[in-house]
Every structure is written in structure tokens, then in C-alpha cells.
Amino acid sequence: MPSNSFVEAVNRSETNECFIFLAEINHSDLQEPIYLSSDATILLRYDGSSGNPVYGTIHDEKEWLYAPFSIVLPDSPQDGKQPVADVEIANTSFDVVRALREIRTSADVSLKVVLSSDLENVEYDIPKMKLNTTTTTMTKIQGKLGTTYALDEPCPAVDFTSGTFPALFL
């Protein structure tokens, strides 16, 4: 449940509060999840190879790397198709691009919203979505976010045989 600070900040026309979106990209092919933050909250460290500063957010004792990203939510679904959102991540780290290129199937993406005044309290948690069809350019990483489409799932999920449902075959 969102805090009073979050509700007040959302409903104000102006606020000093910053809404920070955190994205966790996870897949079995990755050695560890990719943690991205929409805000350069603090200087995390200097990159060992290039010496460039690395900014991000500390949340849940993890470093969430700063990579500006945007998500465009879909309009109403048309033609019975599952709605998908467009996601665009700034190409700020070669490590992120390399990791996303290694993934051959859909990755799980979890999104959270925190406030700049309280980085540990998750104000809004968006259910897991699937990241599909990623493309990379020199400046950005683009992909499609969607959920599992219920009509694509096998139904019934269980075979009705005498071994699994003996009462049906009396």
C-alpha cells in the first residue's frame, strides 16, 4: 500500500519528491539479474576499465545502475491480441547490452516505484512482465513488454485419465 507521502506527491501539482523507477531484468541465462534505475541518485563508483563515474541508486542493498528508460503503455487491445508496452532504455553500459544479447528467450522484468526520500520503501510494485524482441542501436535498447497471454496457455492443464481422476471412470 502506498505511503501518505507517495499519495500526497502524486496528487500535488508540484512536489520536491522524485519518483524513481527500478527495473529488474532476470533470466536463467544471466549470471545475475540486471538492475536499472531511472535516476542518478548517487555516485556508486568509478568504472575500473574506463575510469568514468557510475551513477545509480542503492535499494535493498543492491546497486541499481542509472540508465534512463521509458515505457509507453499500450492503447486498448485490438483484434483480440495481448496488449504490449514499448520499453526504451538508454544504451549507457556495454555490460547491459552484452547481457541482453546473450538472452535468446523472453526475460522477466519487475518494476518498482520508490521515492527519493525513502529508497527502501517500495511504493508501487508492478507485476512481472516478459521482455521480448529486443533490438540495440548505438544510443538505445528497445523491446516489448507484455504478460503471459491466458489464451495461449494449454487448457485443460491436466489430462483427465483414470490414473489422475479415478472417480470419473467408475
Protein backbone atom coordinates (compact mmCIF):
# COMPACT_ATOMS: atom_id res chain seq x y z
CA MET A 1 0.00 0.00 0.00
CA PRO A 2 1.44 3.40 -0.95
CA SER A 3 2.57 5.68 1.86
CA ASN A 4 0.92 9.00 2.66
CA SER A 5 3.99 10.79 1.23
CA PHE A 6 3.54 8.99 -2.09
CA VAL A 7 -0.19 9.76 -2.30
CA GLU A 8 0.39 13.43 -1.45
CA ALA A 9 3.21 13.73 -4.01
CA VAL A 10 1.12 12.10 -6.74
CA ASN A 11 -1.82 14.42 -6.11
CA ARG A 12 0.17 17.66 -5.95
CA SER A 13 0.73 19.85 -8.97
CA GLU A 14 4.32 20.46 -7.77
CA THR A 15 6.44 18.44 -5.39
CA ASN A 16 10.04 18.14 -4.26
CA GLU A 17 9.66 14.37 -4.30
CA CYS A 18 11.26 12.38 -7.11
CA PHE A 19 9.62 9.16 -8.29
CA ILE A 20 12.34 6.61 -9.07
CA PHE A 21 11.52 3.61 -11.24
CA LEU A 22 13.58 0.48 -10.66
CA ALA A 23 13.67 -2.30 -13.24
CA GLU A 24 14.99 -5.78 -12.55
CA ILE A 25 15.67 -7.92 -15.63
CA ASN A 26 16.10 -11.59 -14.83
CA HIS A 27 16.71 -14.68 -16.96
CA SER A 28 18.20 -18.11 -16.42
CA ASP A 29 20.95 -17.32 -18.98
CA LEU A 30 22.17 -14.36 -16.90
CA GLN A 31 24.77 -14.86 -14.17
CA GLU A 32 22.97 -12.24 -12.08
CA PRO A 33 19.95 -10.01 -12.69
CA ILE A 34 20.33 -6.61 -14.36
CA TYR A 35 19.28 -3.80 -12.02
CA LEU A 36 18.40 -0.46 -13.65
CA SER A 37 17.34 2.84 -12.07
CA SER A 38 15.64 5.77 -13.77
CA ASP A 39 17.52 8.23 -11.57
CA ALA A 40 21.19 9.03 -10.94
CA THR A 41 20.65 9.27 -7.18
CA ILE A 42 24.27 8.90 -6.08
CA LEU A 43 27.77 8.23 -7.38
CA LEU A 44 28.17 4.47 -6.95
CA ARG A 45 31.80 4.08 -8.03
CA TYR A 46 34.24 4.73 -10.85
CA ASP A 47 34.40 2.19 -13.67
CA GLY A 48 37.57 0.11 -13.34
CA SER A 49 38.42 0.00 -17.05
CA SER A 50 37.43 3.47 -18.25
CA GLY A 51 37.56 5.48 -15.02
CA ASN A 52 34.14 7.01 -15.81
CA PRO A 53 31.76 7.69 -12.93
CA VAL A 54 28.93 5.17 -12.49
CA TYR A 55 25.73 6.62 -11.05
CA GLY A 56 22.67 4.83 -9.75
CA THR A 57 20.53 4.04 -6.75
CA ILE A 58 21.10 1.81 -3.72
CA HIS A 59 17.93 -0.17 -2.95
CA ASP A 60 17.61 -3.40 -0.99
CA GLU A 61 21.43 -3.46 -0.59
CA LYS A 62 21.88 -3.71 -4.38
CA GLU A 63 23.33 -1.27 -6.89
CA TRP A 64 20.74 -0.24 -9.49
CA LEU A 65 22.63 1.30 -12.42
CA TYR A 66 21.40 4.59 -13.82
CA ALA A 67 20.05 4.10 -17.32
CA PRO A 68 17.26 6.44 -18.35
CA PHE A 69 14.36 4.39 -19.64
CA SER A 70 10.81 5.00 -20.75
CA ILE A 71 7.80 2.74 -21.00
CA VAL A 72 4.92 3.55 -23.33
CA LEU A 73 1.77 1.78 -22.21
CA PRO A 74 -0.46 0.27 -24.88
CA ASP A 75 -3.82 1.56 -26.00
CA SER A 76 -6.87 -0.64 -25.71
CA PRO A 77 -6.25 -4.14 -27.08
CA GLN A 78 -7.37 -4.63 -30.64
CA ASP A 79 -8.28 -7.73 -32.62
CA GLY A 80 -8.12 -9.91 -29.50
CA LYS A 81 -4.35 -9.55 -29.27
CA GLN A 82 -2.50 -9.27 -25.99
CA PRO A 83 -1.53 -5.63 -25.31
CA VAL A 84 2.20 -4.94 -25.17
CA ALA A 85 4.13 -1.93 -23.90
CA ASP A 86 7.15 -0.43 -25.65
CA VAL A 87 10.25 -0.03 -23.50
CA GLU A 88 13.28 2.06 -24.42
CA ILE A 89 16.48 2.01 -22.34
CA ALA A 90 19.37 4.40 -22.95
CA ASN A 91 22.44 2.48 -24.07
CA THR A 92 24.74 3.62 -21.27
CA SER A 93 26.55 0.38 -20.47
CA PHE A 94 28.14 -2.17 -22.75
CA ASP A 95 27.68 -4.78 -20.00
CA VAL A 96 23.88 -4.39 -20.16
CA VAL A 97 23.89 -4.66 -23.97
CA ARG A 98 26.11 -7.74 -23.87
CA ALA A 99 23.88 -9.42 -21.27
CA LEU A 100 20.69 -8.68 -23.23
CA ARG A 101 22.24 -10.03 -26.44
CA GLU A 102 23.01 -13.33 -24.73
CA ILE A 103 19.36 -13.91 -23.88
CA ARG A 104 17.60 -15.99 -26.54
CA THR A 105 14.15 -16.23 -24.93
CA SER A 106 11.90 -13.82 -23.02
CA ALA A 107 13.34 -12.28 -19.86
CA ASP A 108 11.32 -11.47 -16.73
CA VAL A 109 11.07 -7.77 -15.87
CA SER A 110 9.91 -6.50 -12.48
CA LEU A 111 9.22 -2.79 -12.00
CA LYS A 112 9.11 -0.90 -8.71
CA VAL A 113 8.50 2.73 -7.79
CA VAL A 114 10.28 4.30 -4.81
CA LEU A 115 10.52 7.86 -3.57
CA SER A 116 13.81 9.75 -3.43
CA SER A 117 13.21 10.49 0.24
CA ASP A 118 12.80 6.79 1.16
CA LEU A 119 14.66 4.49 -1.23
CA GLU A 120 13.96 1.30 0.74
CA ASN A 121 10.16 1.57 0.82
CA VAL A 122 8.56 0.21 -2.38
CA GLU A 123 5.56 2.43 -3.06
CA TYR A 124 4.24 0.60 -6.08
CA ASP A 125 5.15 -2.83 -7.39
CA ILE A 126 4.20 -3.70 -10.96
CA PRO A 127 3.70 -7.44 -11.61
CA LYS A 128 6.30 -9.37 -13.58
CA MET A 129 6.22 -8.92 -17.33
CA LYS A 130 8.10 -10.55 -20.20
CA LEU A 131 10.69 -8.64 -22.25
CA ASN A 132 10.52 -9.73 -25.88
CA THR A 133 12.15 -8.78 -29.18
CA THR A 134 14.96 -6.51 -28.02
CA THR A 135 16.96 -4.52 -30.55
CA THR A 136 20.03 -2.40 -29.81
CA THR A 137 21.47 0.63 -31.51
CA MET A 138 24.32 2.95 -30.62
CA THR A 139 22.06 5.03 -28.37
CA LYS A 140 19.23 2.82 -27.13
CA ILE A 141 17.88 -0.62 -26.37
CA GLN A 142 14.26 -1.20 -27.43
CA GLY A 143 11.90 -4.02 -26.58
CA LYS A 144 8.33 -5.10 -26.00
CA LEU A 145 6.90 -5.77 -22.54
CA GLY A 146 3.88 -7.98 -22.10
CA THR A 147 2.30 -10.52 -19.82
CA THR A 148 1.57 -14.17 -20.41
CA TYR A 149 -1.50 -14.39 -22.57
CA ALA A 150 -4.03 -16.66 -20.87
CA LEU A 151 -5.47 -17.89 -24.18
CA ASP A 152 -2.05 -19.22 -25.20
CA GLU A 153 -1.91 -21.49 -22.15
CA PRO A 154 -2.94 -25.13 -22.58
CA CYS A 155 -6.41 -25.87 -21.34
CA PRO A 156 -7.16 -28.04 -19.57
CA ALA A 157 -3.75 -28.10 -17.96
CA VAL A 158 -4.29 -31.63 -16.64
CA ASP A 159 -5.13 -34.78 -18.56
CA PHE A 160 -8.28 -36.43 -17.28
CA THR A 161 -7.21 -40.07 -17.17
CA SER A 162 -8.18 -42.95 -14.89
CA GLY A 163 -4.83 -42.59 -13.17
CA THR A 164 -5.24 -38.91 -12.25
CA PHE A 165 -9.06 -38.84 -11.75
CA PRO A 166 -10.20 -42.37 -10.90
CA ALA A 167 -13.67 -41.25 -9.72
CA LEU A 168 -14.56 -40.11 -13.23
CA PHE A 169 -14.13 -43.62 -14.59
CA LEU A 170 -16.28 -45.69 -12.20
